[in-house]
Amino acid sequence: MNKTLQRTQQHIVILEASKIISEGLYDILYRSEINCKIDHCDTLDELFELLETKTPHILITNSMQFLNREKEIKKTRKTHPNIHIVGMDCMHMPKMNSLFDASFSLYDSEEQIIQTISKLFEKLSFAHQTKTDDDSLSDREIEVLTGIVNGHSNKEIAESLNISVHTVVTHRKNIAAKTGIRSQSGLTIYAISKEIISIDDFS
């Protein structure tokens, strides 16, 4: 396993109503080599409340939690682009597969489950390293950029990220300084080219 995963504490949220399943995942994760802290939510609405103050690295969710709420999930993915979502038992819901970055079955072995999650953390670690190397945008600047690309006002971005409008303006200035781009259309192209957002988000 990547040594970075052992050294850096990762934030995981488990979205699962079943106490037995969520406690089983807790046990598997805490016995693994992943250095993590874990929050738990019973419902999607509880998750939305948590996201007002925290931005986890990975969300592990029962795919049934997303049923008939795809629009809300897509909106959440736009406002929190740095969260990777792992679906549990989503093989019977192919239309929703695009909402997940990875998936596993509850019938998978502990090793398979940990491997799925570890691969995502390695991807996050590599992305962070790349950003540091080329002096790209910070995680918060990416969140602000995503709001800009989606046509949100400074006030709307501030409210969604639980920060002040003044802080949003400061981030916008930093984004413009780093990218050399000020227009929304230019920033949209930049965000797509850097894979911060997907062109599918606009389809």
N, C-alpha and C. Protein backbone atom coordinates (compact mmCIF):
# COMPACT_ATOMS: atom_id res chain seq x y z
N MET A 1 0.83 -1.20 0.00
CA MET A 1 0.00 0.00 0.00
C MET A 1 0.87 1.25 0.00
N ASN A 2 0.41 2.29 -0.67
CA ASN A 2 1.11 3.56 -0.72
C ASN A 2 1.38 4.06 0.70
N LYS A 3 2.64 4.40 0.99
CA LYS A 3 3.00 4.86 2.34
C LYS A 3 2.26 6.14 2.72
N THR A 4 1.88 6.94 1.71
CA THR A 4 1.15 8.18 1.98
C THR A 4 -0.18 7.86 2.66
N LEU A 5 -0.80 6.74 2.26
CA LEU A 5 -2.09 6.36 2.84
C LEU A 5 -1.94 6.03 4.31
N GLN A 6 -0.80 5.48 4.69
CA GLN A 6 -0.57 5.13 6.08
C GLN A 6 -0.26 6.38 6.91
N ARG A 7 0.39 7.37 6.31
CA ARG A 7 0.86 8.54 7.02
C ARG A 7 -0.23 9.62 7.14
N THR A 8 -0.96 9.87 6.06
CA THR A 8 -1.95 10.93 6.03
C THR A 8 -3.32 10.40 6.42
N GLN A 9 -3.96 11.06 7.36
CA GLN A 9 -5.29 10.59 7.77
C GLN A 9 -6.33 10.96 6.71
N GLN A 10 -7.10 9.97 6.31
CA GLN A 10 -8.13 10.15 5.30
C GLN A 10 -9.50 10.23 5.98
N HIS A 11 -10.36 11.06 5.42
CA HIS A 11 -11.70 11.22 5.99
C HIS A 11 -12.70 10.45 5.14
N ILE A 12 -13.36 9.48 5.75
CA ILE A 12 -14.35 8.66 5.06
C ILE A 12 -15.71 8.85 5.72
N VAL A 13 -16.74 8.95 4.90
CA VAL A 13 -18.12 8.98 5.41
C VAL A 13 -18.84 7.73 4.90
N ILE A 14 -19.51 7.04 5.81
CA ILE A 14 -20.31 5.87 5.43
C ILE A 14 -21.77 6.28 5.49
N LEU A 15 -22.45 6.18 4.35
CA LEU A 15 -23.88 6.49 4.26
C LEU A 15 -24.64 5.17 4.16
N GLU A 16 -25.17 4.71 5.27
CA GLU A 16 -25.81 3.40 5.32
C GLU A 16 -26.75 3.34 6.51
N ALA A 17 -28.00 2.99 6.26
CA ALA A 17 -29.00 2.93 7.33
C ALA A 17 -28.84 1.69 8.21
N SER A 18 -28.29 0.62 7.64
CA SER A 18 -28.15 -0.62 8.40
C SER A 18 -26.96 -0.53 9.37
N LYS A 19 -27.26 -0.69 10.65
CA LYS A 19 -26.20 -0.62 11.66
C LYS A 19 -25.21 -1.77 11.50
N ILE A 20 -25.70 -2.93 11.15
CA ILE A 20 -24.83 -4.10 10.99
C ILE A 20 -23.82 -3.87 9.86
N ILE A 21 -24.30 -3.35 8.71
CA ILE A 21 -23.41 -3.12 7.57
C ILE A 21 -22.40 -2.01 7.88
N SER A 22 -22.88 -0.90 8.45
CA SER A 22 -21.98 0.22 8.73
C SER A 22 -20.92 -0.17 9.76
N GLU A 23 -21.31 -0.94 10.80
CA GLU A 23 -20.33 -1.37 11.80
C GLU A 23 -19.34 -2.36 11.19
N GLY A 24 -19.81 -3.18 10.26
CA GLY A 24 -18.91 -4.10 9.56
C GLY A 24 -17.86 -3.34 8.76
N LEU A 25 -18.28 -2.28 8.08
CA LEU A 25 -17.34 -1.46 7.30
C LEU A 25 -16.35 -0.74 8.22
N TYR A 26 -16.86 -0.20 9.34
CA TYR A 26 -15.97 0.41 10.34
C TYR A 26 -14.85 -0.56 10.70
N ASP A 27 -15.24 -1.78 11.03
CA ASP A 27 -14.29 -2.79 11.48
C ASP A 27 -13.26 -3.10 10.41
N ILE A 28 -13.74 -3.28 9.16
CA ILE A 28 -12.84 -3.59 8.05
C ILE A 28 -11.84 -2.46 7.83
N LEU A 29 -12.32 -1.23 7.85
CA LEU A 29 -11.46 -0.07 7.58
C LEU A 29 -10.45 0.16 8.70
N TYR A 30 -10.89 0.04 9.94
CA TYR A 30 -9.99 0.30 11.05
C TYR A 30 -8.94 -0.80 11.22
N ARG A 31 -9.21 -1.99 10.70
CA ARG A 31 -8.23 -3.07 10.75
C ARG A 31 -7.29 -3.06 9.55
N SER A 32 -7.57 -2.19 8.59
CA SER A 32 -6.73 -2.08 7.40
C SER A 32 -5.55 -1.15 7.68
N GLU A 33 -4.68 -0.97 6.68
CA GLU A 33 -3.53 -0.09 6.82
C GLU A 33 -3.88 1.37 6.54
N ILE A 34 -5.12 1.61 6.15
CA ILE A 34 -5.54 2.99 5.84
C ILE A 34 -5.70 3.77 7.15
N ASN A 35 -5.00 4.88 7.24
CA ASN A 35 -5.13 5.77 8.40
C ASN A 35 -6.34 6.68 8.16
N CYS A 36 -7.46 6.38 8.80
CA CYS A 36 -8.67 7.12 8.48
C CYS A 36 -9.49 7.49 9.71
N LYS A 37 -10.27 8.53 9.56
CA LYS A 37 -11.32 8.85 10.53
C LYS A 37 -12.63 8.67 9.78
N ILE A 38 -13.66 8.21 10.49
CA ILE A 38 -14.91 7.83 9.82
C ILE A 38 -16.10 8.53 10.46
N ASP A 39 -16.93 9.12 9.62
CA ASP A 39 -18.23 9.65 10.05
C ASP A 39 -19.31 8.76 9.47
N HIS A 40 -20.47 8.76 10.11
CA HIS A 40 -21.57 7.92 9.64
C HIS A 40 -22.84 8.74 9.49
N CYS A 41 -23.57 8.48 8.42
CA CYS A 41 -24.88 9.11 8.20
C CYS A 41 -25.89 8.02 7.87
N ASP A 42 -27.08 8.15 8.45
CA ASP A 42 -28.14 7.18 8.16
C ASP A 42 -28.88 7.50 6.87
N THR A 43 -28.99 8.81 6.57
CA THR A 43 -29.78 9.25 5.42
C THR A 43 -29.01 10.25 4.58
N LEU A 44 -29.49 10.45 3.36
CA LEU A 44 -28.87 11.41 2.45
C LEU A 44 -28.98 12.83 3.00
N ASP A 45 -30.09 13.14 3.65
CA ASP A 45 -30.27 14.47 4.22
C ASP A 45 -29.25 14.73 5.33
N GLU A 46 -28.94 13.69 6.11
CA GLU A 46 -27.90 13.83 7.14
C GLU A 46 -26.55 14.11 6.49
N LEU A 47 -26.30 13.47 5.35
CA LEU A 47 -25.05 13.70 4.62
C LEU A 47 -24.97 15.15 4.17
N PHE A 48 -26.06 15.68 3.61
CA PHE A 48 -26.05 17.07 3.15
C PHE A 48 -25.74 18.02 4.29
N GLU A 49 -26.26 17.72 5.48
CA GLU A 49 -25.96 18.55 6.66
C GLU A 49 -24.48 18.48 7.00
N LEU A 50 -23.92 17.29 6.97
CA LEU A 50 -22.50 17.12 7.29
C LEU A 50 -21.61 17.88 6.30
N LEU A 51 -22.02 17.87 5.01
CA LEU A 51 -21.21 18.52 3.97
C LEU A 51 -21.21 20.05 4.09
N GLU A 52 -22.08 20.59 4.92
CA GLU A 52 -22.07 22.04 5.16
C GLU A 52 -20.84 22.46 5.95
N THR A 53 -20.25 21.54 6.71
CA THR A 53 -19.10 21.88 7.55
C THR A 53 -17.86 21.04 7.27
N LYS A 54 -18.03 19.90 6.57
CA LYS A 54 -16.89 19.01 6.31
C LYS A 54 -16.85 18.60 4.85
N THR A 55 -15.64 18.31 4.36
CA THR A 55 -15.47 17.79 3.01
C THR A 55 -14.65 16.50 3.07
N PRO A 56 -15.32 15.36 3.14
CA PRO A 56 -14.59 14.08 3.22
C PRO A 56 -13.87 13.75 1.93
N HIS A 57 -12.90 12.85 2.03
CA HIS A 57 -12.19 12.39 0.83
C HIS A 57 -13.03 11.37 0.06
N ILE A 58 -13.66 10.47 0.81
CA ILE A 58 -14.42 9.39 0.18
C ILE A 58 -15.76 9.19 0.90
N LEU A 59 -16.80 9.00 0.09
CA LEU A 59 -18.11 8.64 0.60
C LEU A 59 -18.40 7.21 0.17
N ILE A 60 -18.66 6.34 1.14
CA ILE A 60 -19.08 4.97 0.84
C ILE A 60 -20.57 4.89 1.11
N THR A 61 -21.35 4.56 0.09
CA THR A 61 -22.80 4.62 0.25
C THR A 61 -23.52 3.41 -0.32
N ASN A 62 -24.59 3.04 0.35
CA ASN A 62 -25.53 2.07 -0.22
C ASN A 62 -26.17 2.76 -1.42
N SER A 63 -26.09 2.15 -2.59
CA SER A 63 -26.59 2.78 -3.81
C SER A 63 -28.08 3.11 -3.73
N MET A 64 -28.82 2.39 -2.89
CA MET A 64 -30.25 2.66 -2.75
C MET A 64 -30.53 4.04 -2.17
N GLN A 65 -29.52 4.61 -1.48
CA GLN A 65 -29.68 5.95 -0.91
C GLN A 65 -29.85 7.01 -2.01
N PHE A 66 -29.34 6.71 -3.21
CA PHE A 66 -29.38 7.67 -4.30
C PHE A 66 -30.63 7.52 -5.17
N LEU A 67 -31.42 6.49 -4.90
CA LEU A 67 -32.57 6.20 -5.74
C LEU A 67 -33.55 7.38 -5.77
N ASN A 68 -33.88 7.83 -6.99
CA ASN A 68 -34.80 8.95 -7.23
C ASN A 68 -34.28 10.29 -6.73
N ARG A 69 -32.98 10.36 -6.44
CA ARG A 69 -32.39 11.62 -5.97
C ARG A 69 -31.13 11.96 -6.77
N GLU A 70 -31.11 11.48 -8.02
CA GLU A 70 -29.93 11.66 -8.85
C GLU A 70 -29.58 13.13 -9.09
N LYS A 71 -30.59 13.99 -9.25
CA LYS A 71 -30.33 15.41 -9.50
C LYS A 71 -29.60 16.05 -8.32
N GLU A 72 -30.03 15.70 -7.10
CA GLU A 72 -29.38 16.24 -5.90
C GLU A 72 -27.94 15.77 -5.80
N ILE A 73 -27.71 14.51 -6.17
CA ILE A 73 -26.35 13.96 -6.11
C ILE A 73 -25.45 14.66 -7.12
N LYS A 74 -25.96 14.86 -8.33
CA LYS A 74 -25.16 15.53 -9.36
C LYS A 74 -24.82 16.96 -8.93
N LYS A 75 -25.77 17.63 -8.30
CA LYS A 75 -25.52 19.00 -7.81
C LYS A 75 -24.46 18.97 -6.72
N THR A 76 -24.55 17.99 -5.82
CA THR A 76 -23.57 17.86 -4.75
C THR A 76 -22.18 17.57 -5.30
N ARG A 77 -22.11 16.77 -6.36
CA ARG A 77 -20.82 16.46 -6.96
C ARG A 77 -20.19 17.70 -7.59
N LYS A 78 -21.04 18.59 -8.07
CA LYS A 78 -20.51 19.83 -8.66
C LYS A 78 -19.96 20.76 -7.59
N THR A 79 -20.67 20.84 -6.45
CA THR A 79 -20.24 21.74 -5.39
C THR A 79 -19.12 21.14 -4.53
N HIS A 80 -18.96 19.83 -4.58
CA HIS A 80 -17.89 19.15 -3.82
C HIS A 80 -17.14 18.20 -4.76
N PRO A 81 -16.41 18.75 -5.72
CA PRO A 81 -15.77 17.93 -6.75
C PRO A 81 -14.66 17.02 -6.25
N ASN A 82 -14.18 17.26 -5.02
CA ASN A 82 -13.06 16.47 -4.52
C ASN A 82 -13.48 15.22 -3.76
N ILE A 83 -14.80 15.01 -3.62
CA ILE A 83 -15.27 13.81 -2.95
C ILE A 83 -15.37 12.67 -3.96
N HIS A 84 -14.80 11.52 -3.62
CA HIS A 84 -14.94 10.32 -4.45
C HIS A 84 -16.01 9.43 -3.83
N ILE A 85 -16.91 8.93 -4.66
CA ILE A 85 -18.04 8.15 -4.15
C ILE A 85 -17.90 6.68 -4.53
N VAL A 86 -17.99 5.84 -3.50
CA VAL A 86 -17.93 4.39 -3.70
C VAL A 86 -19.32 3.82 -3.43
N GLY A 87 -19.88 3.13 -4.42
CA GLY A 87 -21.21 2.55 -4.27
C GLY A 87 -21.16 1.10 -3.81
N MET A 88 -22.07 0.77 -2.92
CA MET A 88 -22.19 -0.63 -2.48
C MET A 88 -23.37 -1.28 -3.20
N ASP A 89 -23.15 -2.45 -3.77
CA ASP A 89 -24.22 -3.22 -4.41
C ASP A 89 -25.01 -2.41 -5.44
N CYS A 90 -24.29 -1.78 -6.38
CA CYS A 90 -24.97 -0.98 -7.39
C CYS A 90 -25.07 -1.72 -8.73
N MET A 91 -24.78 -3.03 -8.72
CA MET A 91 -24.81 -3.79 -9.98
C MET A 91 -26.21 -3.90 -10.58
N HIS A 92 -27.23 -3.76 -9.75
CA HIS A 92 -28.60 -3.84 -10.25
C HIS A 92 -29.16 -2.47 -10.64
N MET A 93 -28.31 -1.44 -10.60
CA MET A 93 -28.75 -0.08 -10.91
C MET A 93 -27.80 0.55 -11.92
N PRO A 94 -27.71 -0.03 -13.14
CA PRO A 94 -26.73 0.43 -14.13
C PRO A 94 -26.90 1.89 -14.53
N LYS A 95 -28.14 2.41 -14.46
CA LYS A 95 -28.37 3.81 -14.86
C LYS A 95 -27.68 4.79 -13.91
N MET A 96 -27.36 4.33 -12.71
CA MET A 96 -26.77 5.20 -11.71
C MET A 96 -25.26 5.04 -11.60
N ASN A 97 -24.68 4.16 -12.41
CA ASN A 97 -23.25 3.88 -12.29
C ASN A 97 -22.39 5.12 -12.50
N SER A 98 -22.88 6.07 -13.29
CA SER A 98 -22.11 7.28 -13.56
C SER A 98 -21.94 8.15 -12.31
N LEU A 99 -22.74 7.89 -11.28
CA LEU A 99 -22.65 8.67 -10.04
C LEU A 99 -21.51 8.19 -9.14
N PHE A 100 -20.95 7.02 -9.45
CA PHE A 100 -19.94 6.42 -8.59
C PHE A 100 -18.56 6.40 -9.25
N ASP A 101 -17.53 6.62 -8.44
CA ASP A 101 -16.15 6.52 -8.92
C ASP A 101 -15.64 5.09 -8.85
N ALA A 102 -16.27 4.30 -7.99
CA ALA A 102 -15.91 2.89 -7.84
C ALA A 102 -17.06 2.20 -7.12
N SER A 103 -17.02 0.89 -7.10
CA SER A 103 -18.09 0.16 -6.42
C SER A 103 -17.59 -1.20 -5.94
N PHE A 104 -18.29 -1.74 -4.96
CA PHE A 104 -18.00 -3.10 -4.52
C PHE A 104 -19.29 -3.75 -4.05
N SER A 105 -19.26 -5.06 -3.95
CA SER A 105 -20.42 -5.82 -3.48
C SER A 105 -20.19 -6.24 -2.03
N LEU A 106 -21.26 -6.35 -1.29
CA LEU A 106 -21.15 -6.81 0.08
C LEU A 106 -20.71 -8.27 0.14
N TYR A 107 -20.72 -8.93 -1.01
CA TYR A 107 -20.24 -10.31 -1.08
C TYR A 107 -18.73 -10.36 -1.36
N ASP A 108 -18.13 -9.20 -1.63
CA ASP A 108 -16.68 -9.17 -1.86
C ASP A 108 -15.94 -9.47 -0.56
N SER A 109 -14.72 -9.95 -0.70
CA SER A 109 -13.89 -10.21 0.48
C SER A 109 -13.41 -8.89 1.07
N GLU A 110 -12.92 -8.95 2.31
CA GLU A 110 -12.37 -7.75 2.96
C GLU A 110 -11.23 -7.17 2.12
N GLU A 111 -10.40 -8.05 1.58
CA GLU A 111 -9.26 -7.61 0.78
C GLU A 111 -9.73 -6.85 -0.47
N GLN A 112 -10.79 -7.36 -1.11
CA GLN A 112 -11.31 -6.68 -2.31
C GLN A 112 -11.88 -5.31 -1.97
N ILE A 113 -12.59 -5.22 -0.86
CA ILE A 113 -13.17 -3.94 -0.45
C ILE A 113 -12.08 -2.92 -0.14
N ILE A 114 -11.07 -3.33 0.62
CA ILE A 114 -9.97 -2.43 0.96
C ILE A 114 -9.19 -2.03 -0.29
N GLN A 115 -9.01 -2.97 -1.21
CA GLN A 115 -8.29 -2.67 -2.46
C GLN A 115 -9.03 -1.61 -3.27
N THR A 116 -10.36 -1.71 -3.34
CA THR A 116 -11.16 -0.73 -4.07
C THR A 116 -11.00 0.66 -3.47
N ILE A 117 -11.06 0.74 -2.15
CA ILE A 117 -10.95 2.04 -1.48
C ILE A 117 -9.52 2.57 -1.56
N SER A 118 -8.54 1.70 -1.41
CA SER A 118 -7.14 2.11 -1.46
C SER A 118 -6.77 2.69 -2.82
N LYS A 119 -7.30 2.09 -3.89
CA LYS A 119 -7.02 2.60 -5.24
C LYS A 119 -7.49 4.04 -5.39
N LEU A 120 -8.65 4.35 -4.80
CA LEU A 120 -9.15 5.72 -4.87
C LEU A 120 -8.26 6.67 -4.09
N PHE A 121 -7.80 6.25 -2.92
CA PHE A 121 -6.91 7.09 -2.14
C PHE A 121 -5.58 7.33 -2.85
N GLU A 122 -5.10 6.31 -3.54
CA GLU A 122 -3.86 6.47 -4.31
C GLU A 122 -4.08 7.47 -5.44
N LYS A 123 -5.26 7.43 -6.03
CA LYS A 123 -5.60 8.38 -7.08
C LYS A 123 -5.65 9.80 -6.51
N LEU A 124 -6.24 9.94 -5.32
CA LEU A 124 -6.31 11.25 -4.66
C LEU A 124 -4.91 11.75 -4.32
N SER A 125 -4.08 10.84 -3.82
CA SER A 125 -2.71 11.20 -3.46
C SER A 125 -1.93 11.67 -4.67
N PHE A 126 -2.09 10.96 -5.79
CA PHE A 126 -1.40 11.34 -7.04
C PHE A 126 -1.89 12.69 -7.54
N ALA A 127 -3.21 12.90 -7.47
CA ALA A 127 -3.78 14.17 -7.94
C ALA A 127 -3.26 15.33 -7.10
N HIS A 128 -3.18 15.11 -5.78
CA HIS A 128 -2.67 16.17 -4.89
C HIS A 128 -1.22 16.47 -5.19
N GLN A 129 -0.43 15.42 -5.45
CA GLN A 129 0.98 15.58 -5.77
C GLN A 129 1.15 16.36 -7.06
N THR A 130 0.32 16.05 -8.04
CA THR A 130 0.38 16.75 -9.33
C THR A 130 0.04 18.21 -9.17
N LYS A 131 -0.98 18.48 -8.34
CA LYS A 131 -1.38 19.87 -8.11
C LYS A 131 -0.26 20.65 -7.43
N THR A 132 0.42 20.00 -6.49
CA THR A 132 1.49 20.67 -5.78
C THR A 132 2.66 20.95 -6.72
N ASP A 133 2.94 19.98 -7.60
CA ASP A 133 4.07 20.12 -8.52
C ASP A 133 3.88 21.27 -9.49
N ASP A 134 2.66 21.47 -10.00
CA ASP A 134 2.49 22.50 -11.02
C ASP A 134 1.81 23.76 -10.46
N ASP A 135 1.77 23.86 -9.11
CA ASP A 135 1.22 25.04 -8.46
C ASP A 135 -0.20 25.31 -8.93
N SER A 136 -1.02 24.28 -9.00
CA SER A 136 -2.41 24.43 -9.42
C SER A 136 -3.25 24.95 -8.27
N LEU A 137 -4.56 24.89 -8.47
CA LEU A 137 -5.49 25.44 -7.50
C LEU A 137 -5.57 24.57 -6.25
N SER A 138 -5.85 25.22 -5.11
CA SER A 138 -6.06 24.49 -3.87
C SER A 138 -7.43 23.80 -3.91
N ASP A 139 -7.67 22.93 -2.95
CA ASP A 139 -8.97 22.24 -2.90
C ASP A 139 -10.11 23.24 -2.79
N ARG A 140 -9.94 24.26 -1.95
CA ARG A 140 -11.01 25.25 -1.79
C ARG A 140 -11.20 26.08 -3.06
N GLU A 141 -10.10 26.42 -3.73
CA GLU A 141 -10.20 27.17 -4.99
C GLU A 141 -10.92 26.34 -6.05
N ILE A 142 -10.70 25.03 -6.03
CA ILE A 142 -11.40 24.15 -6.98
C ILE A 142 -12.90 24.17 -6.69
N GLU A 143 -13.27 24.15 -5.42
CA GLU A 143 -14.68 24.20 -5.05
C GLU A 143 -15.32 25.52 -5.49
N VAL A 144 -14.59 26.62 -5.32
CA VAL A 144 -15.08 27.93 -5.76
C VAL A 144 -15.18 27.96 -7.29
N LEU A 145 -14.15 27.44 -7.96
CA LEU A 145 -14.16 27.39 -9.42
C LEU A 145 -15.37 26.62 -9.93
N THR A 146 -15.68 25.50 -9.29
CA THR A 146 -16.83 24.69 -9.69
C THR A 146 -18.12 25.49 -9.57
N GLY A 147 -18.22 26.27 -8.51
CA GLY A 147 -19.39 27.14 -8.34
C GLY A 147 -19.48 28.19 -9.44
N ILE A 148 -18.34 28.77 -9.79
CA ILE A 148 -18.31 29.78 -10.85
C ILE A 148 -18.77 29.18 -12.18
N VAL A 149 -18.19 28.02 -12.50
CA VAL A 149 -18.50 27.34 -13.77
C VAL A 149 -19.99 27.01 -13.86
N ASN A 150 -20.59 26.70 -12.71
CA ASN A 150 -22.02 26.36 -12.68
C ASN A 150 -22.92 27.59 -12.60
N GLY A 151 -22.32 28.77 -12.74
CA GLY A 151 -23.10 30.00 -12.81
C GLY A 151 -23.60 30.53 -11.48
N HIS A 152 -23.01 30.07 -10.37
CA HIS A 152 -23.45 30.52 -9.06
C HIS A 152 -22.85 31.89 -8.73
N SER A 153 -23.61 32.70 -8.01
CA SER A 153 -23.13 34.01 -7.58
C SER A 153 -22.16 33.83 -6.41
N ASN A 154 -21.43 34.91 -6.08
CA ASN A 154 -20.52 34.85 -4.94
C ASN A 154 -21.26 34.47 -3.66
N LYS A 155 -22.46 35.01 -3.50
CA LYS A 155 -23.25 34.73 -2.31
C LYS A 155 -23.64 33.25 -2.25
N GLU A 156 -24.07 32.71 -3.40
CA GLU A 156 -24.47 31.29 -3.45
C GLU A 156 -23.28 30.37 -3.16
N ILE A 157 -22.12 30.72 -3.70
CA ILE A 157 -20.91 29.92 -3.46
C ILE A 157 -20.55 29.99 -1.98
N ALA A 158 -20.62 31.19 -1.41
CA ALA A 158 -20.29 31.37 0.01
C ALA A 158 -21.21 30.53 0.89
N GLU A 159 -22.49 30.53 0.58
CA GLU A 159 -23.45 29.77 1.38
C GLU A 159 -23.23 28.27 1.26
N SER A 160 -22.95 27.80 0.05
CA SER A 160 -22.76 26.35 -0.16
C SER A 160 -21.49 25.83 0.51
N LEU A 161 -20.47 26.70 0.61
CA LEU A 161 -19.20 26.28 1.20
C LEU A 161 -19.04 26.74 2.65
N ASN A 162 -20.05 27.46 3.14
CA ASN A 162 -20.04 27.93 4.53
C ASN A 162 -18.85 28.86 4.81
N ILE A 163 -18.59 29.76 3.85
CA ILE A 163 -17.53 30.76 4.01
C ILE A 163 -18.12 32.14 3.69
N SER A 164 -17.37 33.20 3.93
CA SER A 164 -17.87 34.55 3.68
C SER A 164 -17.75 34.91 2.21
N VAL A 165 -18.55 35.89 1.79
CA VAL A 165 -18.48 36.38 0.40
C VAL A 165 -17.10 36.96 0.14
N HIS A 166 -16.53 37.65 1.15
CA HIS A 166 -15.19 38.22 1.01
C HIS A 166 -14.16 37.14 0.70
N THR A 167 -14.29 35.99 1.37
CA THR A 167 -13.36 34.88 1.13
C THR A 167 -13.53 34.34 -0.29
N VAL A 168 -14.78 34.27 -0.76
CA VAL A 168 -15.03 33.82 -2.14
C VAL A 168 -14.35 34.75 -3.13
N VAL A 169 -14.48 36.06 -2.90
CA VAL A 169 -13.86 37.05 -3.80
C VAL A 169 -12.34 36.87 -3.82
N THR A 170 -11.77 36.63 -2.63
CA THR A 170 -10.32 36.40 -2.55
C THR A 170 -9.91 35.17 -3.35
N HIS A 171 -10.69 34.09 -3.21
CA HIS A 171 -10.39 32.87 -3.97
C HIS A 171 -10.51 33.12 -5.47
N ARG A 172 -11.51 33.91 -5.86
CA ARG A 172 -11.69 34.21 -7.30
C ARG A 172 -10.47 34.96 -7.84
N LYS A 173 -9.95 35.88 -7.05
CA LYS A 173 -8.76 36.62 -7.47
C LYS A 173 -7.56 35.68 -7.61
N ASN A 174 -7.43 34.76 -6.66
CA ASN A 174 -6.33 33.79 -6.72
C ASN A 174 -6.45 32.88 -7.93
N ILE A 175 -7.69 32.46 -8.24
CA ILE A 175 -7.93 31.60 -9.40
C ILE A 175 -7.55 32.34 -10.68
N ALA A 176 -7.95 33.60 -10.78
CA ALA A 176 -7.63 34.40 -11.96
C ALA A 176 -6.12 34.60 -12.10
N ALA A 177 -5.45 34.81 -10.95
CA ALA A 177 -4.00 35.03 -10.98
C ALA A 177 -3.26 33.76 -11.40
N LYS A 178 -3.72 32.60 -10.91
CA LYS A 178 -3.04 31.35 -11.23
C LYS A 178 -3.30 30.86 -12.65
N THR A 179 -4.54 31.07 -13.12
CA THR A 179 -4.91 30.54 -14.44
C THR A 179 -4.74 31.57 -15.55
N GLY A 180 -4.76 32.85 -15.17
CA GLY A 180 -4.73 33.90 -16.18
C GLY A 180 -6.06 34.04 -16.91
N ILE A 181 -7.11 33.49 -16.34
CA ILE A 181 -8.44 33.48 -16.97
C ILE A 181 -9.44 34.17 -16.05
N ARG A 182 -10.29 35.03 -16.63
CA ARG A 182 -11.29 35.73 -15.82
C ARG A 182 -12.73 35.41 -16.25
N SER A 183 -12.94 35.06 -17.51
CA SER A 183 -14.31 34.83 -17.99
C SER A 183 -14.83 33.46 -17.55
N GLN A 184 -16.14 33.36 -17.39
CA GLN A 184 -16.75 32.08 -17.00
C GLN A 184 -16.53 31.02 -18.07
N SER A 185 -16.66 31.42 -19.34
CA SER A 185 -16.47 30.44 -20.43
C SER A 185 -15.04 29.92 -20.46
N GLY A 186 -14.08 30.82 -20.22
CA GLY A 186 -12.68 30.42 -20.21
C GLY A 186 -12.38 29.50 -19.04
N LEU A 187 -12.96 29.80 -17.88
CA LEU A 187 -12.76 28.97 -16.71
C LEU A 187 -13.42 27.60 -16.87
N THR A 188 -14.53 27.58 -17.61
CA THR A 188 -15.20 26.30 -17.88
C THR A 188 -14.30 25.40 -18.71
N ILE A 189 -13.71 25.96 -19.75
CA ILE A 189 -12.79 25.19 -20.60
C ILE A 189 -11.59 24.71 -19.78
N TYR A 190 -11.08 25.60 -18.91
CA TYR A 190 -9.95 25.25 -18.05
C TYR A 190 -10.32 24.08 -17.13
N ALA A 191 -11.51 24.17 -16.52
CA ALA A 191 -11.96 23.14 -15.57
C ALA A 191 -12.13 21.79 -16.26
N ILE A 192 -12.64 21.81 -17.50
CA ILE A 192 -12.81 20.56 -18.24
C ILE A 192 -11.45 19.98 -18.63
N SER A 193 -10.54 20.84 -19.07
CA SER A 193 -9.22 20.38 -19.51
C SER A 193 -8.42 19.79 -18.35
N LYS A 194 -8.65 20.31 -17.14
CA LYS A 194 -7.95 19.81 -15.95
C LYS A 194 -8.71 18.68 -15.27
N GLU A 195 -9.84 18.28 -15.88
CA GLU A 195 -10.68 17.20 -15.35
C GLU A 195 -11.22 17.53 -13.96
N ILE A 196 -11.41 18.83 -13.71
CA ILE A 196 -12.05 19.25 -12.46
C ILE A 196 -13.54 18.99 -12.55
N ILE A 197 -14.07 19.19 -13.74
CA ILE A 197 -15.46 18.85 -14.03
C ILE A 197 -15.49 18.01 -15.31
N SER A 198 -16.60 17.36 -15.54
CA SER A 198 -16.76 16.56 -16.75
C SER A 198 -17.67 17.28 -17.73
N ILE A 199 -17.38 17.14 -19.00
CA ILE A 199 -18.25 17.75 -20.01
C ILE A 199 -19.64 17.14 -19.97
N ASP A 200 -19.73 15.93 -19.41
CA ASP A 200 -21.06 15.28 -19.27
C ASP A 200 -21.97 16.04 -18.31
N ASP A 201 -21.36 16.84 -17.42
CA ASP A 201 -22.16 17.61 -16.47
C ASP A 201 -23.04 18.64 -17.16
N PHE A 202 -22.71 18.96 -18.41
CA PHE A 202 -23.45 19.99 -19.12
C PHE A 202 -24.40 19.40 -20.15
N SER A 203 -24.47 18.07 -20.19
CA SER A 203 -25.33 17.42 -21.18
C SER A 203 -26.71 17.15 -20.60
